[in-house]
Amino acid sequence: TPAPVVLLATQADEPVGDYAKQFAGDYVPMPKNTKDSKAWRNAFVKHFAGAYDKYIEASDKLVKQSQGLPASPSDCHHMVCLKQWRDMQHTQVESYVPGAFRPFAAGAVEQAY
């Protein structure tokens, strides 16, 4: 799961939204559900970093896709696993690396494979 964006520290039973309204006013976007870390993240990104929303969506998608896959090729004990690792690495390269640098990153993946 994505790391929460911590904007305020409060006691567990205190409503976060009240403090945000009191101390941050109009500077902090308020999510509908102030107890949901994804809602805080989404409100923050929408307000301050809308151009980067595609990277957050890609990250969430890749996290779900990579569940259970090995972190490195040395963790693989058969070819199916190794090919899954390689495919996920190429998917990450396509998602995060600028086009001009993708051949270098893809080459590094192939060397490790």
Foldseek 3Di string as FASTA:
>chain_A
DDDFDDDDDDPPPDQPVVVCCVPVNPNQFDFPDSVDRVSSVVRCCVVPPVVCVQLVVLVVVLVVVCVPQDPALVVDDDDVSNVSVLVSQLSVLVRPPPPVCSVVSNVVSVVRD
